[in-house]
Amino acid sequence: MEIIVDAYGPEEQAMGWYYYLEEKLKFPFTAVCSAKRAISPLQLREEVKVLKMAPEEECEKEMFVTIRRGRGRLAVPLSQLGVGNEADEQTRQAVEDWRYWVQMGYRFG
């Protein structure tokens, strides 16, 4: 809740999370799909390389990250990813913070 303490609406909450994650995540890092999502082609236990945050406009309702997939790049929900072993502690903590927030049922707006 510290991340959105000064946020006055859903847009400010989303941007608070976006900038927190952008600052804390050390890219690139390896992640593993830990949840199936209808909006994502990732399969459970699929390993991916996370390259960066998706553009701000894609993160107004949920946080997305850009991954390398095949020869291209794709934005997927951060909440469906678990951090791989080689990620630093700051990255691991930031992803877990976001996943906890989502699991608690919080949403923007």
N, C-alpha and C. Protein backbone atom coordinates (compact mmCIF):
# COMPACT_ATOMS: atom_id res chain seq x y z
N MET A 1 0.82 -1.20 0.00
CA MET A 1 0.00 0.00 0.00
C MET A 1 0.87 1.27 0.00
N GLU A 2 2.13 1.15 0.43
CA GLU A 2 3.03 2.31 0.40
C GLU A 2 3.21 2.84 -1.02
N ILE A 3 3.11 1.96 -1.99
CA ILE A 3 3.35 2.33 -3.38
C ILE A 3 2.28 3.28 -3.88
N ILE A 4 1.06 3.14 -3.39
CA ILE A 4 -0.05 3.96 -3.89
C ILE A 4 -0.61 4.89 -2.82
N VAL A 5 0.14 5.14 -1.77
CA VAL A 5 -0.36 5.94 -0.65
C VAL A 5 -0.81 7.34 -1.07
N ASP A 6 -0.14 7.95 -2.03
CA ASP A 6 -0.49 9.30 -2.46
C ASP A 6 -1.36 9.32 -3.72
N ALA A 7 -1.82 8.17 -4.16
CA ALA A 7 -2.61 8.09 -5.40
C ALA A 7 -4.06 8.46 -5.11
N TYR A 8 -4.63 9.32 -5.98
CA TYR A 8 -5.99 9.79 -5.77
C TYR A 8 -7.02 9.11 -6.67
N GLY A 9 -6.61 8.24 -7.53
CA GLY A 9 -7.54 7.55 -8.40
C GLY A 9 -6.87 6.37 -9.07
N PRO A 10 -7.63 5.63 -9.86
CA PRO A 10 -7.08 4.43 -10.51
C PRO A 10 -5.88 4.71 -11.41
N GLU A 11 -5.90 5.81 -12.14
CA GLU A 11 -4.78 6.12 -13.03
C GLU A 11 -3.51 6.37 -12.23
N GLU A 12 -3.62 7.08 -11.14
CA GLU A 12 -2.46 7.36 -10.31
C GLU A 12 -1.97 6.09 -9.60
N GLN A 13 -2.88 5.21 -9.21
CA GLN A 13 -2.48 3.93 -8.62
C GLN A 13 -1.68 3.12 -9.65
N ALA A 14 -2.19 3.04 -10.87
CA ALA A 14 -1.51 2.29 -11.92
C ALA A 14 -0.12 2.86 -12.18
N MET A 15 -0.02 4.16 -12.26
CA MET A 15 1.29 4.76 -12.53
C MET A 15 2.23 4.62 -11.34
N GLY A 16 1.69 4.62 -10.12
CA GLY A 16 2.51 4.38 -8.94
C GLY A 16 3.15 2.99 -9.00
N TRP A 17 2.33 2.01 -9.33
CA TRP A 17 2.85 0.66 -9.49
C TRP A 17 3.83 0.59 -10.66
N TYR A 18 3.49 1.19 -11.77
CA TYR A 18 4.34 1.13 -12.96
C TYR A 18 5.74 1.66 -12.64
N TYR A 19 5.82 2.83 -12.04
CA TYR A 19 7.12 3.44 -11.77
C TYR A 19 7.88 2.70 -10.67
N TYR A 20 7.17 2.15 -9.70
CA TYR A 20 7.81 1.33 -8.67
C TYR A 20 8.48 0.12 -9.33
N LEU A 21 7.72 -0.60 -10.17
CA LEU A 21 8.27 -1.78 -10.83
C LEU A 21 9.38 -1.43 -11.80
N GLU A 22 9.20 -0.36 -12.55
CA GLU A 22 10.23 0.06 -13.51
C GLU A 22 11.55 0.37 -12.79
N GLU A 23 11.45 0.94 -11.61
CA GLU A 23 12.65 1.28 -10.84
C GLU A 23 13.30 0.06 -10.19
N LYS A 24 12.48 -0.87 -9.69
CA LYS A 24 12.99 -1.99 -8.90
C LYS A 24 13.41 -3.20 -9.72
N LEU A 25 12.76 -3.44 -10.85
CA LEU A 25 13.09 -4.61 -11.64
C LEU A 25 14.40 -4.40 -12.39
N LYS A 26 15.29 -5.36 -12.30
CA LYS A 26 16.58 -5.30 -12.99
C LYS A 26 16.49 -6.20 -14.22
N PHE A 27 16.37 -5.58 -15.38
CA PHE A 27 16.20 -6.30 -16.64
C PHE A 27 17.54 -6.58 -17.29
N PRO A 28 17.64 -7.62 -18.08
CA PRO A 28 16.65 -8.68 -18.27
C PRO A 28 16.73 -9.68 -17.11
N PHE A 29 15.65 -10.44 -16.91
CA PHE A 29 15.67 -11.53 -15.94
C PHE A 29 14.82 -12.67 -16.47
N THR A 30 15.10 -13.85 -15.96
CA THR A 30 14.35 -15.04 -16.36
C THR A 30 13.16 -15.20 -15.43
N ALA A 31 12.04 -15.59 -16.02
CA ALA A 31 10.83 -15.84 -15.24
C ALA A 31 10.18 -17.14 -15.74
N VAL A 32 9.32 -17.68 -14.91
CA VAL A 32 8.63 -18.92 -15.24
C VAL A 32 7.13 -18.68 -15.11
N CYS A 33 6.38 -19.14 -16.10
CA CYS A 33 4.93 -19.00 -16.05
C CYS A 33 4.38 -19.86 -14.92
N SER A 34 3.66 -19.22 -14.01
CA SER A 34 3.12 -19.93 -12.85
C SER A 34 1.60 -19.95 -12.83
N ALA A 35 0.97 -19.34 -13.84
CA ALA A 35 -0.50 -19.31 -13.91
C ALA A 35 -0.93 -19.18 -15.36
N LYS A 36 -1.91 -19.93 -15.73
CA LYS A 36 -2.48 -19.87 -17.08
C LYS A 36 -3.42 -18.66 -17.15
N ARG A 37 -3.34 -17.90 -18.24
CA ARG A 37 -4.22 -16.75 -18.45
C ARG A 37 -4.78 -16.82 -19.87
N ALA A 38 -6.05 -16.52 -20.03
CA ALA A 38 -6.69 -16.56 -21.35
C ALA A 38 -6.09 -15.53 -22.30
N ILE A 39 -5.55 -14.45 -21.77
CA ILE A 39 -5.00 -13.39 -22.61
C ILE A 39 -3.53 -13.60 -22.97
N SER A 40 -2.96 -14.71 -22.51
CA SER A 40 -1.54 -14.96 -22.73
C SER A 40 -1.31 -16.35 -23.31
N PRO A 41 -0.38 -16.48 -24.25
CA PRO A 41 -0.09 -17.79 -24.83
C PRO A 41 0.85 -18.65 -23.98
N LEU A 42 1.35 -18.11 -22.87
CA LEU A 42 2.31 -18.87 -22.08
C LEU A 42 1.69 -20.12 -21.47
N GLN A 43 2.50 -21.17 -21.43
CA GLN A 43 2.10 -22.43 -20.82
C GLN A 43 2.71 -22.53 -19.42
N LEU A 44 2.05 -23.24 -18.52
CA LEU A 44 2.59 -23.43 -17.18
C LEU A 44 4.01 -23.96 -17.25
N ARG A 45 4.86 -23.41 -16.42
CA ARG A 45 6.28 -23.77 -16.29
C ARG A 45 7.13 -23.37 -17.49
N GLU A 46 6.56 -22.62 -18.42
CA GLU A 46 7.35 -22.13 -19.55
C GLU A 46 8.30 -21.04 -19.04
N GLU A 47 9.56 -21.13 -19.44
CA GLU A 47 10.56 -20.15 -19.02
C GLU A 47 10.68 -19.07 -20.09
N VAL A 48 10.73 -17.82 -19.66
CA VAL A 48 10.84 -16.69 -20.58
C VAL A 48 11.88 -15.70 -20.08
N LYS A 49 12.37 -14.88 -20.99
CA LYS A 49 13.29 -13.79 -20.65
C LYS A 49 12.49 -12.50 -20.63
N VAL A 50 12.44 -11.84 -19.48
CA VAL A 50 11.72 -10.57 -19.34
C VAL A 50 12.69 -9.45 -19.69
N LEU A 51 12.31 -8.63 -20.67
CA LEU A 51 13.20 -7.61 -21.21
C LEU A 51 12.99 -6.22 -20.61
N LYS A 52 11.73 -5.87 -20.36
CA LYS A 52 11.42 -4.53 -19.85
C LYS A 52 9.95 -4.46 -19.49
N MET A 53 9.55 -3.34 -18.91
CA MET A 53 8.13 -3.07 -18.68
C MET A 53 7.48 -2.81 -20.03
N ALA A 54 6.23 -3.21 -20.19
CA ALA A 54 5.47 -2.85 -21.38
C ALA A 54 5.23 -1.34 -21.33
N PRO A 55 4.84 -0.72 -22.44
CA PRO A 55 4.57 0.72 -22.43
C PRO A 55 3.50 1.09 -21.39
N GLU A 56 3.61 2.29 -20.87
CA GLU A 56 2.69 2.77 -19.83
C GLU A 56 1.23 2.58 -20.20
N GLU A 57 0.88 2.89 -21.45
CA GLU A 57 -0.53 2.81 -21.85
C GLU A 57 -1.08 1.38 -21.80
N GLU A 58 -0.21 0.39 -21.81
CA GLU A 58 -0.65 -1.01 -21.69
C GLU A 58 -0.85 -1.41 -20.23
N CYS A 59 -0.41 -0.57 -19.32
CA CYS A 59 -0.43 -0.91 -17.90
C CYS A 59 -1.42 -0.08 -17.09
N GLU A 60 -2.46 0.39 -17.72
CA GLU A 60 -3.44 1.21 -17.02
C GLU A 60 -4.42 0.39 -16.17
N LYS A 61 -4.56 -0.91 -16.46
CA LYS A 61 -5.47 -1.78 -15.71
C LYS A 61 -4.74 -2.91 -15.01
N GLU A 62 -3.57 -3.26 -15.51
CA GLU A 62 -2.78 -4.37 -14.99
C GLU A 62 -1.33 -4.17 -15.45
N MET A 63 -0.38 -4.69 -14.68
CA MET A 63 1.01 -4.53 -15.06
C MET A 63 1.44 -5.63 -16.05
N PHE A 64 2.02 -5.19 -17.16
CA PHE A 64 2.52 -6.09 -18.19
C PHE A 64 4.01 -5.87 -18.37
N VAL A 65 4.71 -6.95 -18.72
CA VAL A 65 6.12 -6.87 -19.04
C VAL A 65 6.32 -7.42 -20.45
N THR A 66 7.38 -6.97 -21.10
CA THR A 66 7.71 -7.43 -22.44
C THR A 66 8.69 -8.59 -22.33
N ILE A 67 8.36 -9.68 -23.02
CA ILE A 67 9.22 -10.86 -23.03
C ILE A 67 9.69 -11.14 -24.46
N ARG A 68 10.74 -11.91 -24.56
CA ARG A 68 11.17 -12.43 -25.85
C ARG A 68 10.45 -13.75 -26.04
N ARG A 69 9.81 -13.91 -27.18
CA ARG A 69 9.11 -15.17 -27.49
C ARG A 69 9.33 -15.49 -28.95
N GLY A 70 10.00 -16.59 -29.20
CA GLY A 70 10.36 -16.93 -30.57
C GLY A 70 11.27 -15.85 -31.11
N ARG A 71 10.93 -15.34 -32.28
CA ARG A 71 11.73 -14.27 -32.90
C ARG A 71 11.20 -12.88 -32.56
N GLY A 72 10.11 -12.82 -31.82
CA GLY A 72 9.50 -11.52 -31.54
C GLY A 72 9.46 -11.19 -30.06
N ARG A 73 8.68 -10.18 -29.78
CA ARG A 73 8.47 -9.71 -28.41
C ARG A 73 6.98 -9.63 -28.16
N LEU A 74 6.59 -9.82 -26.90
CA LEU A 74 5.19 -9.90 -26.53
C LEU A 74 5.03 -9.37 -25.12
N ALA A 75 3.94 -8.65 -24.87
CA ALA A 75 3.63 -8.20 -23.50
C ALA A 75 2.72 -9.23 -22.84
N VAL A 76 3.09 -9.63 -21.62
CA VAL A 76 2.30 -10.59 -20.85
C VAL A 76 2.09 -10.04 -19.44
N PRO A 77 1.04 -10.50 -18.75
CA PRO A 77 0.79 -10.03 -17.39
C PRO A 77 1.92 -10.44 -16.44
N LEU A 78 2.42 -9.50 -15.70
CA LEU A 78 3.46 -9.79 -14.71
C LEU A 78 2.94 -10.77 -13.66
N SER A 79 1.65 -10.71 -13.35
CA SER A 79 1.09 -11.56 -12.30
C SER A 79 1.15 -13.04 -12.63
N GLN A 80 1.36 -13.41 -13.89
CA GLN A 80 1.42 -14.82 -14.24
C GLN A 80 2.85 -15.37 -14.22
N LEU A 81 3.80 -14.55 -13.80
CA LEU A 81 5.20 -14.95 -13.81
C LEU A 81 5.78 -15.05 -12.41
N GLY A 82 6.59 -16.07 -12.22
CA GLY A 82 7.42 -16.19 -11.03
C GLY A 82 8.86 -15.92 -11.46
N VAL A 83 9.65 -15.34 -10.60
CA VAL A 83 11.01 -14.95 -10.93
C VAL A 83 11.94 -16.15 -10.90
N GLY A 84 12.82 -16.24 -11.90
CA GLY A 84 13.82 -17.30 -11.96
C GLY A 84 14.89 -17.15 -10.90
N ASN A 85 15.71 -18.16 -10.74
CA ASN A 85 16.72 -18.22 -9.66
C ASN A 85 17.79 -17.15 -9.73
N GLU A 86 18.17 -16.71 -10.94
CA GLU A 86 19.29 -15.78 -11.03
C GLU A 86 18.91 -14.31 -10.82
N ALA A 87 17.63 -14.01 -10.67
CA ALA A 87 17.20 -12.62 -10.45
C ALA A 87 17.69 -12.13 -9.09
N ASP A 88 18.00 -10.86 -9.02
CA ASP A 88 18.45 -10.31 -7.74
C ASP A 88 17.27 -10.17 -6.77
N GLU A 89 17.61 -9.94 -5.51
CA GLU A 89 16.58 -9.89 -4.45
C GLU A 89 15.60 -8.75 -4.66
N GLN A 90 16.07 -7.61 -5.14
CA GLN A 90 15.19 -6.46 -5.38
C GLN A 90 14.14 -6.79 -6.44
N THR A 91 14.56 -7.45 -7.51
CA THR A 91 13.62 -7.86 -8.56
C THR A 91 12.63 -8.87 -8.01
N ARG A 92 13.13 -9.85 -7.30
CA ARG A 92 12.27 -10.88 -6.71
C ARG A 92 11.21 -10.24 -5.80
N GLN A 93 11.64 -9.32 -4.96
CA GLN A 93 10.72 -8.67 -4.01
C GLN A 93 9.66 -7.84 -4.74
N ALA A 94 10.06 -7.10 -5.76
CA ALA A 94 9.12 -6.27 -6.50
C ALA A 94 8.05 -7.12 -7.19
N VAL A 95 8.45 -8.22 -7.80
CA VAL A 95 7.48 -9.11 -8.46
C VAL A 95 6.55 -9.70 -7.41
N GLU A 96 7.09 -10.13 -6.29
CA GLU A 96 6.25 -10.69 -5.23
C GLU A 96 5.31 -9.64 -4.66
N ASP A 97 5.75 -8.39 -4.54
CA ASP A 97 4.86 -7.31 -4.08
C ASP A 97 3.66 -7.19 -5.01
N TRP A 98 3.92 -7.18 -6.33
CA TRP A 98 2.82 -7.05 -7.30
C TRP A 98 1.90 -8.27 -7.24
N ARG A 99 2.47 -9.46 -7.21
CA ARG A 99 1.65 -10.68 -7.18
C ARG A 99 0.79 -10.72 -5.91
N TYR A 100 1.33 -10.29 -4.78
CA TYR A 100 0.56 -10.24 -3.53
C TYR A 100 -0.61 -9.27 -3.67
N TRP A 101 -0.36 -8.10 -4.22
CA TRP A 101 -1.40 -7.08 -4.39
C TRP A 101 -2.54 -7.65 -5.24
N VAL A 102 -2.19 -8.33 -6.32
CA VAL A 102 -3.19 -8.94 -7.21
C VAL A 102 -3.93 -10.06 -6.49
N GLN A 103 -3.20 -10.93 -5.79
CA GLN A 103 -3.82 -12.05 -5.10
C GLN A 103 -4.77 -11.60 -3.99
N MET A 104 -4.52 -10.44 -3.44
CA MET A 104 -5.41 -9.91 -2.40
C MET A 104 -6.69 -9.32 -3.00
N GLY A 105 -6.77 -9.29 -4.32
CA GLY A 105 -7.98 -8.82 -4.99
C GLY A 105 -8.02 -7.34 -5.29
N TYR A 106 -6.93 -6.64 -5.07
CA TYR A 106 -6.89 -5.21 -5.36
C TYR A 106 -6.87 -4.98 -6.87
N ARG A 107 -7.47 -3.89 -7.29
CA ARG A 107 -7.54 -3.52 -8.70
C ARG A 107 -7.45 -2.00 -8.81
N PHE A 108 -7.18 -1.53 -10.00
CA PHE A 108 -7.19 -0.09 -10.26
C PHE A 108 -8.61 0.30 -10.61
N GLY A 109 -9.26 1.03 -9.72
CA GLY A 109 -10.61 1.53 -10.00
C GLY A 109 -11.72 0.60 -9.79
